PDB file of N, CA and C in Angstrom:
ATOM      1  N   MET A   1      45.762 -28.598   0.136  1.00  0.00           N
ATOM      2  CA  MET A   1      44.798 -27.844   0.917  1.00  0.00           C
ATOM      3  C   MET A   1      44.007 -28.838   1.761  1.00  0.00           C
ATOM      4  N   THR A   2      43.777 -28.512   2.987  1.00  0.00           N
ATOM      5  CA  THR A   2      43.078 -29.425   3.882  1.00  0.00           C
ATOM      6  C   THR A   2      41.576 -29.323   3.651  1.00  0.00           C
ATOM      7  N   THR A   3      40.844 -30.308   4.113  1.00  0.00           N
ATOM      8  CA  THR A   3      39.392 -30.349   3.975  1.00  0.00           C
ATOM      9  C   THR A   3      38.736 -29.200   4.725  1.00  0.00           C
ATOM     10  N   ALA A   4      39.255 -28.848   5.879  1.00  0.00           N
ATOM     11  CA  ALA A   4      38.688 -27.762   6.679  1.00  0.00           C
ATOM     12  C   ALA A   4      38.787 -26.437   5.934  1.00  0.00           C
ATOM     13  N   VAL A   5      39.894 -26.177   5.260  1.00  0.00           N
ATOM     14  CA  VAL A   5      40.072 -24.928   4.518  1.00  0.00           C
ATOM     15  C   VAL A   5      39.121 -24.898   3.325  1.00  0.00           C
ATOM     16  N   ARG A   6      38.971 -26.040   2.600  1.00  0.00           N
ATOM     17  CA  ARG A   6      38.042 -26.110   1.467  1.00  0.00           C
ATOM     18  C   ARG A   6      36.610 -25.859   1.927  1.00  0.00           C
ATOM     19  N   THR A   7      36.219 -26.432   3.065  1.00  0.00           N
ATOM     20  CA  THR A   7      34.870 -26.249   3.592  1.00  0.00           C
ATOM     21  C   THR A   7      34.634 -24.794   3.957  1.00  0.00           C
ATOM     22  N   GLN A   8      35.629 -24.155   4.572  1.00  0.00           N
ATOM     23  CA  GLN A   8      35.517 -22.746   4.938  1.00  0.00           C
ATOM     24  C   GLN A   8      35.366 -21.874   3.698  1.00  0.00           C
ATOM     25  N   ARG A   9      36.145 -22.143   2.662  1.00  0.00           N
ATOM     26  CA  ARG A   9      36.058 -21.366   1.432  1.00  0.00           C
ATOM     27  C   ARG A   9      34.704 -21.582   0.755  1.00  0.00           C
ATOM     28  N   GLY A  10      34.185 -22.781   0.807  1.00  0.00           N
ATOM     29  CA  GLY A  10      32.870 -23.070   0.223  1.00  0.00           C
ATOM     30  C   GLY A  10      31.768 -22.304   0.938  1.00  0.00           C
ATOM     31  N   ARG A  11      31.843 -22.271   2.264  1.00  0.00           N
ATOM     32  CA  ARG A  11      30.858 -21.516   3.039  1.00  0.00           C
ATOM     33  C   ARG A  11      30.948 -20.023   2.745  1.00  0.00           C
ATOM     34  N   LEU A  12      32.169 -19.522   2.605  1.00  0.00           N
ATOM     35  CA  LEU A  12      32.363 -18.102   2.289  1.00  0.00           C
ATOM     36  C   LEU A  12      31.776 -17.791   0.910  1.00  0.00           C
ATOM     37  N   ALA A  13      31.992 -18.661  -0.061  1.00  0.00           N
ATOM     38  CA  ALA A  13      31.451 -18.444  -1.407  1.00  0.00           C
ATOM     39  C   ALA A  13      29.925 -18.427  -1.391  1.00  0.00           C
ATOM     40  N   ILE A  14      29.326 -19.302  -0.608  1.00  0.00           N
ATOM     41  CA  ILE A  14      27.865 -19.335  -0.496  1.00  0.00           C
ATOM     42  C   ILE A  14      27.359 -18.069   0.164  1.00  0.00           C
ATOM     43  N   ALA A  15      28.030 -17.614   1.218  1.00  0.00           N
ATOM     44  CA  ALA A  15      27.624 -16.390   1.919  1.00  0.00           C
ATOM     45  C   ALA A  15      27.719 -15.182   0.997  1.00  0.00           C
ATOM     46  N   VAL A  16      28.791 -15.101   0.199  1.00  0.00           N
ATOM     47  CA  VAL A  16      28.964 -13.984  -0.732  1.00  0.00           C
ATOM     48  C   VAL A  16      27.871 -14.029  -1.802  1.00  0.00           C
ATOM     49  N   ALA A  17      27.565 -15.205  -2.323  1.00  0.00           N
ATOM     50  CA  ALA A  17      26.517 -15.337  -3.335  1.00  0.00           C
ATOM     51  C   ALA A  17      25.153 -14.954  -2.766  1.00  0.00           C
ATOM     52  N   ALA A  18      24.882 -15.362  -1.543  1.00  0.00           N
ATOM     53  CA  ALA A  18      23.594 -15.014  -0.912  1.00  0.00           C
ATOM     54  C   ALA A  18      23.495 -13.510  -0.693  1.00  0.00           C
ATOM     55  N   ALA A  19      24.570 -12.883  -0.244  1.00  0.00           N
ATOM     56  CA  ALA A  19      24.559 -11.435  -0.036  1.00  0.00           C
ATOM     57  C   ALA A  19      24.342 -10.699  -1.347  1.00  0.00           C
ATOM     58  N   ALA A  20      24.971 -11.159  -2.424  1.00  0.00           N
ATOM     59  CA  ALA A  20      24.801 -10.533  -3.735  1.00  0.00           C
ATOM     60  C   ALA A  20      23.359 -10.662  -4.204  1.00  0.00           C
ATOM     61  N   ALA A  21      22.741 -11.819  -3.963  1.00  0.00           N
ATOM     62  CA  ALA A  21      21.340 -12.017  -4.361  1.00  0.00           C
ATOM     63  C   ALA A  21      20.419 -11.084  -3.592  1.00  0.00           C
ATOM     64  N   VAL A  22      20.652 -10.913  -2.302  1.00  0.00           N
ATOM     65  CA  VAL A  22      19.826 -10.013  -1.484  1.00  0.00           C
ATOM     66  C   VAL A  22      19.969  -8.581  -1.973  1.00  0.00           C
ATOM     67  N   LEU A  23      21.180  -8.167  -2.263  1.00  0.00           N
ATOM     68  CA  LEU A  23      21.403  -6.802  -2.750  1.00  0.00           C
ATOM     69  C   LEU A  23      20.769  -6.590  -4.124  1.00  0.00           C
ATOM     70  N   ALA A  24      20.802  -7.601  -4.973  1.00  0.00           N
ATOM     71  CA  ALA A  24      20.229  -7.470  -6.310  1.00  0.00           C
ATOM     72  C   ALA A  24      18.712  -7.438  -6.275  1.00  0.00           C
ATOM     73  N   LEU A  25      18.102  -8.200  -5.393  1.00  0.00           N
ATOM     74  CA  LEU A  25      16.648  -8.290  -5.334  1.00  0.00           C
ATOM     75  C   LEU A  25      16.021  -7.276  -4.396  1.00  0.00           C
ATOM     76  N   GLY A  26      16.773  -6.690  -3.509  1.00  0.00           N
ATOM     77  CA  GLY A  26      16.251  -5.741  -2.527  1.00  0.00           C
ATOM     78  C   GLY A  26      15.456  -4.601  -3.133  1.00  0.00           C
ATOM     79  N   PRO A  27      15.964  -3.902  -4.172  1.00  0.00           N
ATOM     80  CA  PRO A  27      15.224  -2.775  -4.740  1.00  0.00           C
ATOM     81  C   PRO A  27      13.882  -3.167  -5.345  1.00  0.00           C
ATOM     82  N   ALA A  28      13.687  -4.426  -5.702  1.00  0.00           N
ATOM     83  CA  ALA A  28      12.408  -4.846  -6.278  1.00  0.00           C
ATOM     84  C   ALA A  28      11.266  -4.611  -5.311  1.00  0.00           C
ATOM     85  N   GLY A  29      11.528  -4.693  -4.028  1.00  0.00           N
ATOM     86  CA  GLY A  29      10.490  -4.461  -3.033  1.00  0.00           C
ATOM     87  C   GLY A  29      10.111  -2.993  -2.888  1.00  0.00           C
ATOM     88  N   LEU A  30      10.857  -2.092  -3.514  1.00  0.00           N
ATOM     89  CA  LEU A  30      10.589  -0.664  -3.391  1.00  0.00           C
ATOM     90  C   LEU A  30       9.689  -0.144  -4.503  1.00  0.00           C
ATOM     91  N   ARG A  31       9.198  -1.014  -5.383  1.00  0.00           N
ATOM     92  CA  ARG A  31       8.428  -0.564  -6.535  1.00  0.00           C
ATOM     93  C   ARG A  31       6.950  -0.395  -6.268  1.00  0.00           C
ATOM     94  N   GLY A  32       6.478  -0.596  -5.052  1.00  0.00           N
ATOM     95  CA  GLY A  32       5.057  -0.452  -4.724  1.00  0.00           C
ATOM     96  C   GLY A  32       4.668   1.003  -4.671  1.00  0.00           C
ATOM     97  N   GLY A  33       3.847   1.372  -3.711  1.00  0.00           N
ATOM     98  CA  GLY A  33       3.410   2.758  -3.588  1.00  0.00           C
ATOM     99  C   GLY A  33       4.550   3.664  -3.156  1.00  0.00           C
ATOM    100  N   VAL A  34       4.523   4.858  -3.658  1.00  0.00           N
ATOM    101  CA  VAL A  34       5.530   5.841  -3.304  1.00  0.00           C
ATOM    102  C   VAL A  34       4.817   7.033  -2.702  1.00  0.00           C
ATOM    103  N   ALA A  35       5.149   7.384  -1.488  1.00  0.00           N
ATOM    104  CA  ALA A  35       4.500   8.512  -0.828  1.00  0.00           C
ATOM    105  C   ALA A  35       5.405   9.729  -0.921  1.00  0.00           C
ATOM    106  N   SER A  36       4.804  10.869  -1.149  1.00  0.00           N
ATOM    107  CA  SER A  36       5.572  12.104  -1.182  1.00  0.00           C
ATOM    108  C   SER A  36       5.276  12.906   0.068  1.00  0.00           C
ATOM    109  N   ALA A  37       6.032  13.962   0.270  1.00  0.00           N
ATOM    110  CA  ALA A  37       5.836  14.798   1.449  1.00  0.00           C
ATOM    111  C   ALA A  37       4.476  15.478   1.430  1.00  0.00           C
ATOM    112  N   GLY A  38       3.865  15.578   0.245  1.00  0.00           N
ATOM    113  CA  GLY A  38       2.575  16.245   0.125  1.00  0.00           C
ATOM    114  C   GLY A  38       1.393  15.372   0.489  1.00  0.00           C
ATOM    115  N   GLY A  39       1.610  14.162   0.936  1.00  0.00           N
ATOM    116  CA  GLY A  39       0.504  13.297   1.330  1.00  0.00           C
ATOM    117  C   GLY A  39      -0.154  12.600   0.156  1.00  0.00           C
ATOM    118  N   THR A  40       0.543  12.443  -0.969  1.00  0.00           N
ATOM    119  CA  THR A  40       0.008  11.774  -2.141  1.00  0.00           C
ATOM    120  C   THR A  40       0.781  10.484  -2.352  1.00  0.00           C
ATOM    121  N   ALA A  41       0.077   9.395  -2.688  1.00  0.00           N
ATOM    122  CA  ALA A  41       0.738   8.119  -2.947  1.00  0.00           C
ATOM    123  C   ALA A  41       0.438   7.681  -4.368  1.00  0.00           C
ATOM    124  N   GLN A  42       1.352   6.900  -4.945  1.00  0.00           N
ATOM    125  CA  GLN A  42       1.144   6.348  -6.267  1.00  0.00           C
ATOM    126  C   GLN A  42       1.411   4.859  -6.201  1.00  0.00           C
ATOM    127  N   ALA A  43       0.611   4.076  -6.928  1.00  0.00           N
ATOM    128  CA  ALA A  43       0.779   2.636  -6.930  1.00  0.00           C
ATOM    129  C   ALA A  43       0.490   2.098  -8.310  1.00  0.00           C
ATOM    130  N   SER A  44       0.923   0.858  -8.591  1.00  0.00           N
ATOM    131  CA  SER A  44       0.728   0.307  -9.909  1.00  0.00           C
ATOM    132  C   SER A  44      -0.607  -0.412 -10.046  1.00  0.00           C
ATOM    133  N   ARG A  45      -0.982  -1.313  -9.170  1.00  0.00           N
ATOM    134  CA  ARG A  45      -2.219  -2.066  -9.300  1.00  0.00           C
ATOM    135  C   ARG A  45      -3.107  -1.991  -8.068  1.00  0.00           C
ATOM    136  N   THR A  46      -2.526  -1.936  -6.898  1.00  0.00           N
ATOM    137  CA  THR A  46      -3.304  -1.794  -5.671  1.00  0.00           C
ATOM    138  C   THR A  46      -2.610  -0.793  -4.764  1.00  0.00           C
ATOM    139  N   ALA A  47      -3.356   0.200  -4.358  1.00  0.00           N
ATOM    140  CA  ALA A  47      -2.845   1.182  -3.400  1.00  0.00           C
ATOM    141  C   ALA A  47      -3.585   0.953  -2.096  1.00  0.00           C
ATOM    142  N   THR A  48      -2.953   1.276  -0.998  1.00  0.00           N
ATOM    143  CA  THR A  48      -3.589   1.121   0.301  1.00  0.00           C
ATOM    144  C   THR A  48      -3.768   2.479   0.948  1.00  0.00           C
ATOM    145  N   VAL A  49      -4.980   2.731   1.404  1.00  0.00           N
ATOM    146  CA  VAL A  49      -5.277   3.886   2.221  1.00  0.00           C
ATOM    147  C   VAL A  49      -5.529   3.339   3.620  1.00  0.00           C
ATOM    148  N   THR A  50      -4.753   3.789   4.572  1.00  0.00           N
ATOM    149  CA  THR A  50      -4.890   3.318   5.942  1.00  0.00           C
ATOM    150  C   THR A  50      -5.762   4.293   6.726  1.00  0.00           C
ATOM    151  N   ILE A  51      -6.726   3.750   7.421  1.00  0.00           N
ATOM    152  CA  ILE A  51      -7.577   4.573   8.281  1.00  0.00           C
ATOM    153  C   ILE A  51      -6.927   4.561   9.659  1.00  0.00           C
ATOM    154  N   VAL A  52      -6.421   5.724  10.048  1.00  0.00           N
ATOM    155  CA  VAL A  52      -5.717   5.879  11.318  1.00  0.00           C
ATOM    156  C   VAL A  52      -6.538   6.822  12.181  1.00  0.00           C
ATOM    157  N   ASN A  53      -7.080   6.288  13.265  1.00  0.00           N
ATOM    158  CA  ASN A  53      -7.969   7.048  14.146  1.00  0.00           C
ATOM    159  C   ASN A  53      -9.110   7.649  13.332  1.00  0.00           C
ATOM    160  N   PHE A  54      -9.090   8.944  13.078  1.00  0.00           N
ATOM    161  CA  PHE A  54     -10.174   9.577  12.337  1.00  0.00           C
ATOM    162  C   PHE A  54      -9.650  10.302  11.102  1.00  0.00           C
ATOM    163  N   SER A  55      -8.738   9.644  10.370  1.00  0.00           N
ATOM    164  CA  SER A  55      -8.235  10.225   9.124  1.00  0.00           C
ATOM    165  C   SER A  55      -7.826   9.127   8.144  1.00  0.00           C
ATOM    166  N   PHE A  56      -7.846   9.483   6.854  1.00  0.00           N
ATOM    167  CA  PHE A  56      -7.393   8.611   5.784  1.00  0.00           C
ATOM    168  C   PHE A  56      -5.948   8.987   5.464  1.00  0.00           C
ATOM    169  N   LYS A  57      -5.055   7.982   5.429  1.00  0.00           N
ATOM    170  CA  LYS A  57      -3.642   8.239   5.144  1.00  0.00           C
ATOM    171  C   LYS A  57      -3.170   7.331   4.029  1.00  0.00           C
ATOM    172  N   PRO A  58      -2.678   7.873   2.911  1.00  0.00           N
ATOM    173  CA  PRO A  58      -2.593   9.288   2.596  1.00  0.00           C
ATOM    174  C   PRO A  58      -3.977   9.855   2.275  1.00  0.00           C
ATOM    175  N   ALA A  59      -4.099  11.152   2.415  1.00  0.00           N
ATOM    176  CA  ALA A  59      -5.378  11.818   2.146  1.00  0.00           C
ATOM    177  C   ALA A  59      -5.721  11.771   0.664  1.00  0.00           C
ATOM    178  N   THR A  60      -4.707  11.764  -0.194  1.00  0.00           N
ATOM    179  CA  THR A  60      -4.898  11.647  -1.641  1.00  0.00           C
ATOM    180  C   THR A  60      -4.056  10.499  -2.149  1.00  0.00           C
ATOM    181  N   VAL A  61      -4.653   9.624  -2.944  1.00  0.00           N
ATOM    182  CA  VAL A  61      -3.920   8.515  -3.544  1.00  0.00           C
ATOM    183  C   VAL A  61      -4.134   8.597  -5.058  1.00  0.00           C
ATOM    184  N   THR A  62      -3.060   8.407  -5.826  1.00  0.00           N
ATOM    185  CA  THR A  62      -3.124   8.449  -7.281  1.00  0.00           C
ATOM    186  C   THR A  62      -2.812   7.066  -7.825  1.00  0.00           C
ATOM    187  N   ILE A  63      -3.695   6.567  -8.704  1.00  0.00           N
ATOM    188  CA  ILE A  63      -3.554   5.219  -9.251  1.00  0.00           C
ATOM    189  C   ILE A  63      -3.830   5.236 -10.756  1.00  0.00           C
ATOM    190  N   PRO A  64      -3.339   4.247 -11.483  1.00  0.00           N
ATOM    191  CA  PRO A  64      -3.717   4.116 -12.886  1.00  0.00           C
ATOM    192  C   PRO A  64      -5.120   3.507 -13.014  1.00  0.00           C
ATOM    193  N   ARG A  65      -5.783   3.797 -14.109  1.00  0.00           N
ATOM    194  CA  ARG A  65      -7.126   3.251 -14.361  1.00  0.00           C
ATOM    195  C   ARG A  65      -7.076   1.719 -14.291  1.00  0.00           C
ATOM    196  N   GLY A  66      -8.108   1.133 -13.694  1.00  0.00           N
ATOM    197  CA  GLY A  66      -8.184  -0.318 -13.553  1.00  0.00           C
ATOM    198  C   GLY A  66      -7.574  -0.841 -12.260  1.00  0.00           C
ATOM    199  N   SER A  67      -7.032   0.040 -11.447  1.00  0.00           N
ATOM    200  CA  SER A  67      -6.398  -0.361 -10.186  1.00  0.00           C
ATOM    201  C   SER A  67      -7.395  -0.359  -9.036  1.00  0.00           C
ATOM    202  N   LYS A  68      -6.963  -0.975  -7.935  1.00  0.00           N
ATOM    203  CA  LYS A  68      -7.782  -1.029  -6.721  1.00  0.00           C
ATOM    204  C   LYS A  68      -7.188  -0.131  -5.659  1.00  0.00           C
ATOM    205  N   VAL A  69      -8.072   0.333  -4.793  1.00  0.00           N
ATOM    206  CA  VAL A  69      -7.643   0.989  -3.562  1.00  0.00           C
ATOM    207  C   VAL A  69      -8.188   0.149  -2.421  1.00  0.00           C
ATOM    208  N   ARG A  70      -7.290  -0.287  -1.549  1.00  0.00           N
ATOM    209  CA  ARG A  70      -7.671  -1.060  -0.364  1.00  0.00           C
ATOM    210  C   ARG A  70      -7.708  -0.096   0.812  1.00  0.00           C
ATOM    211  N   PHE A  71      -8.863  -0.023   1.460  1.00  0.00           N
ATOM    212  CA  PHE A  71      -9.043   0.819   2.637  1.00  0.00           C
ATOM    213  C   PHE A  71      -8.874  -0.086   3.856  1.00  0.00           C
ATOM    214  N   SER A  72      -7.802   0.125   4.606  1.00  0.00           N
ATOM    215  CA  SER A  72      -7.445  -0.735   5.729  1.00  0.00           C
ATOM    216  C   SER A  72      -7.641   0.018   7.041  1.00  0.00           C
ATOM    217  N   ASN A  73      -8.523  -0.489   7.882  1.00  0.00           N
ATOM    218  CA  ASN A  73      -8.876   0.193   9.126  1.00  0.00           C
ATOM    219  C   ASN A  73      -7.995  -0.278  10.274  1.00  0.00           C
ATOM    220  N   THR A  74      -7.067   0.577  10.688  1.00  0.00           N
ATOM    221  CA  THR A  74      -6.178   0.251  11.814  1.00  0.00           C
ATOM    222  C   THR A  74      -6.640   0.906  13.110  1.00  0.00           C
ATOM    223  N   SER A  75      -7.755   1.626  13.038  1.00  0.00           N
ATOM    224  CA  SER A  75      -8.251   2.313  14.236  1.00  0.00           C
ATOM    225  C   SER A  75      -9.130   1.369  15.053  1.00  0.00           C
ATOM    226  N   GLY A  76      -9.601   1.836  16.171  1.00  0.00           N
ATOM    227  CA  GLY A  76     -10.472   1.047  17.032  1.00  0.00           C
ATOM    228  C   GLY A  76     -11.944   1.331  16.795  1.00  0.00           C
ATOM    229  N   THR A  77     -12.259   2.038  15.703  1.00  0.00           N
ATOM    230  CA  THR A  77     -13.624   2.465  15.406  1.00  0.00           C
ATOM    231  C   THR A  77     -14.002   2.041  13.994  1.00  0.00           C
ATOM    232  N   THR A  78     -15.247   1.695  13.763  1.00  0.00           N
ATOM    233  CA  THR A  78     -15.733   1.355  12.424  1.00  0.00           C
ATOM    234  C   THR A  78     -15.821   2.615  11.565  1.00  0.00           C
ATOM    235  N   HIS A  79     -15.433   2.492  10.287  1.00  0.00           N
ATOM    236  CA  HIS A  79     -15.463   3.608   9.342  1.00  0.00           C
ATOM    237  C   HIS A  79     -15.971   3.114   7.990  1.00  0.00           C
ATOM    238  N   THR A  80     -16.201   4.056   7.069  1.00  0.00           N
ATOM    239  CA  THR A  80     -16.524   3.733   5.680  1.00  0.00           C
ATOM    240  C   THR A  80     -15.682   4.621   4.771  1.00  0.00           C
ATOM    241  N   ALA A  81     -15.630   4.269   3.496  1.00  0.00           N
ATOM    242  CA  ALA A  81     -15.126   5.153   2.442  1.00  0.00           C
ATOM    243  C   ALA A  81     -16.281   5.221   1.452  1.00  0.00           C
ATOM    244  N   THR A  82     -16.914   6.393   1.357  1.00  0.00           N
ATOM    245  CA  THR A  82     -18.190   6.511   0.666  1.00  0.00           C
ATOM    246  C   THR A  82     -18.215   7.707  -0.269  1.00  0.00           C
ATOM    247  N   ARG A  83     -18.864   7.524  -1.403  1.00  0.00           N
ATOM    248  CA  ARG A  83     -19.273   8.604  -2.307  1.00  0.00           C
ATOM    249  C   ARG A  83     -20.445   8.060  -3.102  1.00  0.00           C
ATOM    250  N   LYS A  84     -21.060   8.878  -3.934  1.00  0.00           N
ATOM    251  CA  LYS A  84     -22.295   8.427  -4.586  1.00  0.00           C
ATOM    252  C   LYS A  84     -22.095   7.219  -5.496  1.00  0.00           C
ATOM    253  N   ASP A  85     -20.907   7.023  -6.082  1.00  0.00           N
ATOM    254  CA  ASP A  85     -20.700   5.892  -6.985  1.00  0.00           C
ATOM    255  C   ASP A  85     -19.891   4.737  -6.400  1.00  0.00           C
ATOM    256  N   PHE A  86     -19.520   4.807  -5.132  1.00  0.00           N
ATOM    257  CA  PHE A  86     -18.944   3.644  -4.450  1.00  0.00           C
ATOM    258  C   PHE A  86     -19.129   3.771  -2.951  1.00  0.00           C
ATOM    259  N   ASN A  87     -19.180   2.616  -2.289  1.00  0.00           N
ATOM    260  CA  ASN A  87     -19.326   2.573  -0.839  1.00  0.00           C
ATOM    261  C   ASN A  87     -18.707   1.269  -0.356  1.00  0.00           C
ATOM    262  N   THR A  88     -17.746   1.376   0.514  1.00  0.00           N
ATOM    263  CA  THR A  88     -17.095   0.177   1.048  1.00  0.00           C
ATOM    264  C   THR A  88     -17.980  -0.557   2.040  1.00  0.00           C
ATOM    265  N   GLY A  89     -19.042   0.097   2.500  1.00  0.00           N
ATOM    266  CA  GLY A  89     -19.782  -0.452   3.627  1.00  0.00           C
ATOM    267  C   GLY A  89     -18.970  -0.217   4.883  1.00  0.00           C
ATOM    268  N   ARG A  90     -19.436  -0.748   5.988  1.00  0.00           N
ATOM    269  CA  ARG A  90     -18.744  -0.546   7.263  1.00  0.00           C
ATOM    270  C   ARG A  90     -17.479  -1.388   7.316  1.00  0.00           C
ATOM    271  N   ILE A  91     -16.357  -0.721   7.569  1.00  0.00           N
ATOM    272  CA  ILE A  91     -15.066  -1.402   7.703  1.00  0.00           C
ATOM    273  C   ILE A  91     -14.748  -1.451   9.192  1.00  0.00           C
ATOM    274  N   LYS A  92     -14.885  -2.630   9.762  1.00  0.00           N
ATOM    275  CA  LYS A  92     -14.642  -2.789  11.201  1.00  0.00           C
ATOM    276  C   LYS A  92     -13.148  -2.690  11.505  1.00  0.00           C
ATOM    277  N   PRO A  93     -12.802  -2.380  12.744  1.00  0.00           N
ATOM    278  CA  PRO A  93     -11.385  -2.317  13.127  1.00  0.00           C
ATOM    279  C   PRO A  93     -10.651  -3.611  12.776  1.00  0.00           C
ATOM    280  N   GLY A  94      -9.460  -3.455  12.205  1.00  0.00           N
ATOM    281  CA  GLY A  94      -8.641  -4.614  11.845  1.00  0.00           C
ATOM    282  C   GLY A  94      -9.017  -5.273  10.534  1.00  0.00           C
ATOM    283  N   THR A  95      -9.972  -4.706   9.793  1.00  0.00           N
ATOM    284  CA  THR A  95     -10.366  -5.287   8.509  1.00  0.00           C
ATOM    285  C   THR A  95     -10.158  -4.262   7.396  1.00  0.00           C
ATOM    286  N   SER A  96     -10.420  -4.695   6.154  1.00  0.00           N
ATOM    287  CA  SER A  96     -10.258  -3.791   5.027  1.00  0.00           C
ATOM    288  C   SER A  96     -11.308  -4.086   3.966  1.00  0.00           C
ATOM    289  N   ALA A  97     -11.434  -3.159   3.024  1.00  0.00           N
ATOM    290  CA  ALA A  97     -12.336  -3.309   1.880  1.00  0.00           C
ATOM    291  C   ALA A  97     -11.645  -2.673   0.686  1.00  0.00           C
ATOM    292  N   ALA A  98     -11.896  -3.216  -0.503  1.00  0.00           N
ATOM    293  CA  ALA A  98     -11.238  -2.707  -1.707  1.00  0.00           C
ATOM    294  C   ALA A  98     -12.261  -2.235  -2.723  1.00  0.00           C
ATOM    295  N   VAL A  99     -11.880  -1.207  -3.475  1.00  0.00           N
ATOM    296  CA  VAL A  99     -12.706  -0.654  -4.543  1.00  0.00           C
ATOM    297  C   VAL A  99     -11.839  -0.581  -5.793  1.00  0.00           C
ATOM    298  N   THR A 100     -12.358  -1.033  -6.937  1.00  0.00           N
ATOM    299  CA  THR A 100     -11.656  -0.943  -8.212  1.00  0.00           C
ATOM    300  C   THR A 100     -12.134   0.296  -8.955  1.00  0.00           C
ATOM    301  N   PHE A 101     -11.188   1.046  -9.529  1.00  0.00           N
ATOM    302  CA  PHE A 101     -11.496   2.272 -10.261  1.00  0.00           C
ATOM    303  C   PHE A 101     -11.192   2.051 -11.742  1.00  0.00           C
ATOM    304  N   ASN A 102     -12.269   1.981 -12.560  1.00  0.00           N
ATOM    305  CA  ASN A 102     -12.124   1.665 -13.977  1.00  0.00           C
ATOM    306  C   ASN A 102     -12.225   2.874 -14.896  1.00  0.00           C
ATOM    307  N   ARG A 103     -12.421   4.049 -14.336  1.00  0.00           N
ATOM    308  CA  ARG A 103     -12.451   5.240 -15.199  1.00  0.00           C
ATOM    309  C   ARG A 103     -11.602   6.340 -14.588  1.00  0.00           C
ATOM    310  N   LYS A 104     -11.071   7.174 -15.487  1.00  0.00           N
ATOM    311  CA  LYS A 104     -10.224   8.283 -15.047  1.00  0.00           C
ATOM    312  C   LYS A 104     -11.054   9.348 -14.369  1.00  0.00           C
ATOM    313  N   GLY A 105     -10.420  10.072 -13.475  1.00  0.00           N
ATOM    314  CA  GLY A 105     -11.098  11.170 -12.796  1.00  0.00           C
ATOM    315  C   GLY A 105     -10.596  11.346 -11.382  1.00  0.00           C
ATOM    316  N   THR A 106     -11.202  12.303 -10.708  1.00  0.00           N
ATOM    317  CA  THR A 106     -10.902  12.573  -9.311  1.00  0.00           C
ATOM    318  C   THR A 106     -12.144  12.240  -8.496  1.00  0.00           C
ATOM    319  N   PHE A 107     -11.966  11.406  -7.474  1.00  0.00           N
ATOM    320  CA  PHE A 107     -13.085  10.878  -6.709  1.00  0.00           C
ATOM    321  C   PHE A 107     -12.932  11.217  -5.223  1.00  0.00           C
ATOM    322  N   PRO A 108     -13.475  12.363  -4.793  1.00  0.00           N
ATOM    323  CA  PRO A 108     -13.456  12.663  -3.362  1.00  0.00           C
ATOM    324  C   PRO A 108     -14.412  11.722  -2.624  1.00  0.00           C
ATOM    325  N   TYR A 109     -14.047  11.331  -1.433  1.00  0.00           N
ATOM    326  CA  TYR A 109     -14.893  10.439  -0.632  1.00  0.00           C
ATOM    327  C   TYR A 109     -14.826  10.879   0.825  1.00  0.00           C
ATOM    328  N   HIS A 110     -15.679  10.281   1.644  1.00  0.00           N
ATOM    329  CA  HIS A 110     -15.728  10.606   3.071  1.00  0.00           C
ATOM    330  C   HIS A 110     -16.158   9.363   3.837  1.00  0.00           C
ATOM    331  N   CYS A 111     -16.079   9.430   5.142  1.00  0.00           N
ATOM    332  CA  CYS A 111     -16.623   8.386   6.006  1.00  0.00           C
ATOM    333  C   CYS A 111     -18.070   8.776   6.298  1.00  0.00           C
ATOM    334  N   SER A 112     -19.004   7.893   5.990  1.00  0.00           N
ATOM    335  CA  SER A 112     -20.413   8.237   6.207  1.00  0.00           C
ATOM    336  C   SER A 112     -20.781   8.263   7.691  1.00  0.00           C
ATOM    337  N   ILE A 113     -19.951   7.677   8.541  1.00  0.00           N
ATOM    338  CA  ILE A 113     -20.192   7.695   9.978  1.00  0.00           C
ATOM    339  C   ILE A 113     -19.604   8.961  10.595  1.00  0.00           C
ATOM    340  N   HIS A 114     -18.447   9.375  10.092  1.00  0.00           N
ATOM    341  CA  HIS A 114     -17.730  10.554  10.600  1.00  0.00           C
ATOM    342  C   HIS A 114     -17.483  11.467   9.399  1.00  0.00           C
ATOM    343  N   SER A 115     -18.444  12.292   9.054  1.00  0.00           N
ATOM    344  CA  SER A 115     -18.419  13.056   7.804  1.00  0.00           C
ATOM    345  C   SER A 115     -17.244  14.024   7.680  1.00  0.00           C
ATOM    346  N   PHE A 116     -16.561  14.342   8.765  1.00  0.00           N
ATOM    347  CA  PHE A 116     -15.398  15.225   8.704  1.00  0.00           C
ATOM    348  C   PHE A 116     -14.169  14.514   8.143  1.00  0.00           C
ATOM    349  N   MET A 117     -14.203  13.181   8.058  1.00  0.00           N
ATOM    350  CA  MET A 117     -13.100  12.410   7.494  1.00  0.00           C
ATOM    351  C   MET A 117     -13.232  12.426   5.976  1.00  0.00           C
ATOM    352  N   LYS A 118     -12.207  12.950   5.286  1.00  0.00           N
ATOM    353  CA  LYS A 118     -12.280  13.083   3.838  1.00  0.00           C
ATOM    354  C   LYS A 118     -10.990  12.607   3.195  1.00  0.00           C
ATOM    355  N   GLY A 119     -11.129  12.095   1.968  1.00  0.00           N
ATOM    356  CA  GLY A 119      -9.979  11.667   1.186  1.00  0.00           C
ATOM    357  C   GLY A 119     -10.296  11.831  -0.282  1.00  0.00           C
ATOM    358  N   LYS A 120      -9.307  11.485  -1.132  1.00  0.00           N
ATOM    359  CA  LYS A 120      -9.501  11.643  -2.563  1.00  0.00           C
ATOM    360  C   LYS A 120      -8.701  10.582  -3.308  1.00  0.00           C
ATOM    361  N   VAL A 121      -9.338   9.973  -4.331  1.00  0.00           N
ATOM    362  CA  VAL A 121      -8.666   9.052  -5.228  1.00  0.00           C
ATOM    363  C   VAL A 121      -8.560   9.740  -6.584  1.00  0.00           C
ATOM    364  N   VAL A 122      -7.354   9.821  -7.119  1.00  0.00           N
ATOM    365  CA  VAL A 122      -7.125  10.383  -8.454  1.00  0.00           C
ATOM    366  C   VAL A 122      -6.737   9.224  -9.365  1.00  0.00           C
ATOM    367  N   VAL A 123      -7.497   9.029 -10.446  1.00  0.00           N
ATOM    368  CA  VAL A 123      -7.251   7.936 -11.377  1.00  0.00           C
ATOM    369  C   VAL A 123      -6.723   8.531 -12.677  1.00  0.00           C
ATOM    370  N   ASP A 124      -5.498   8.152 -13.047  1.00  0.00           N
ATOM    371  CA  ASP A 124      -4.864   8.637 -14.286  1.00  0.00           C
ATOM    372  C   ASP A 124      -5.319   7.835 -15.487  1.00  0.00           C
TER     373      ASP A 124
END
């Protein structure tokens, strides 16, 4: 067997091994939040609620006790995520704030600047 053929076979073996590794590890990236058609998301340790224009997406997020919710503002306007027992403060465009939920329950919240914006955190 010539050196060129051995080199080609070695490269093919490396390419096949790399492809197998990508296929094996690919599903691991799918274990984060899962959104359903009903606008509810579930996450293991940190869930993200994205502020899009004048709404919270998803409107309802479900997390296990002890998890965080990161409120990420992608709009061009400052917003908050507020209720009597938590307040993110003003979240400027392009920034985020996180709240940790240590007890079970349902926690409706709103934007204190735009009171028509509403969302809900459900802690299992």
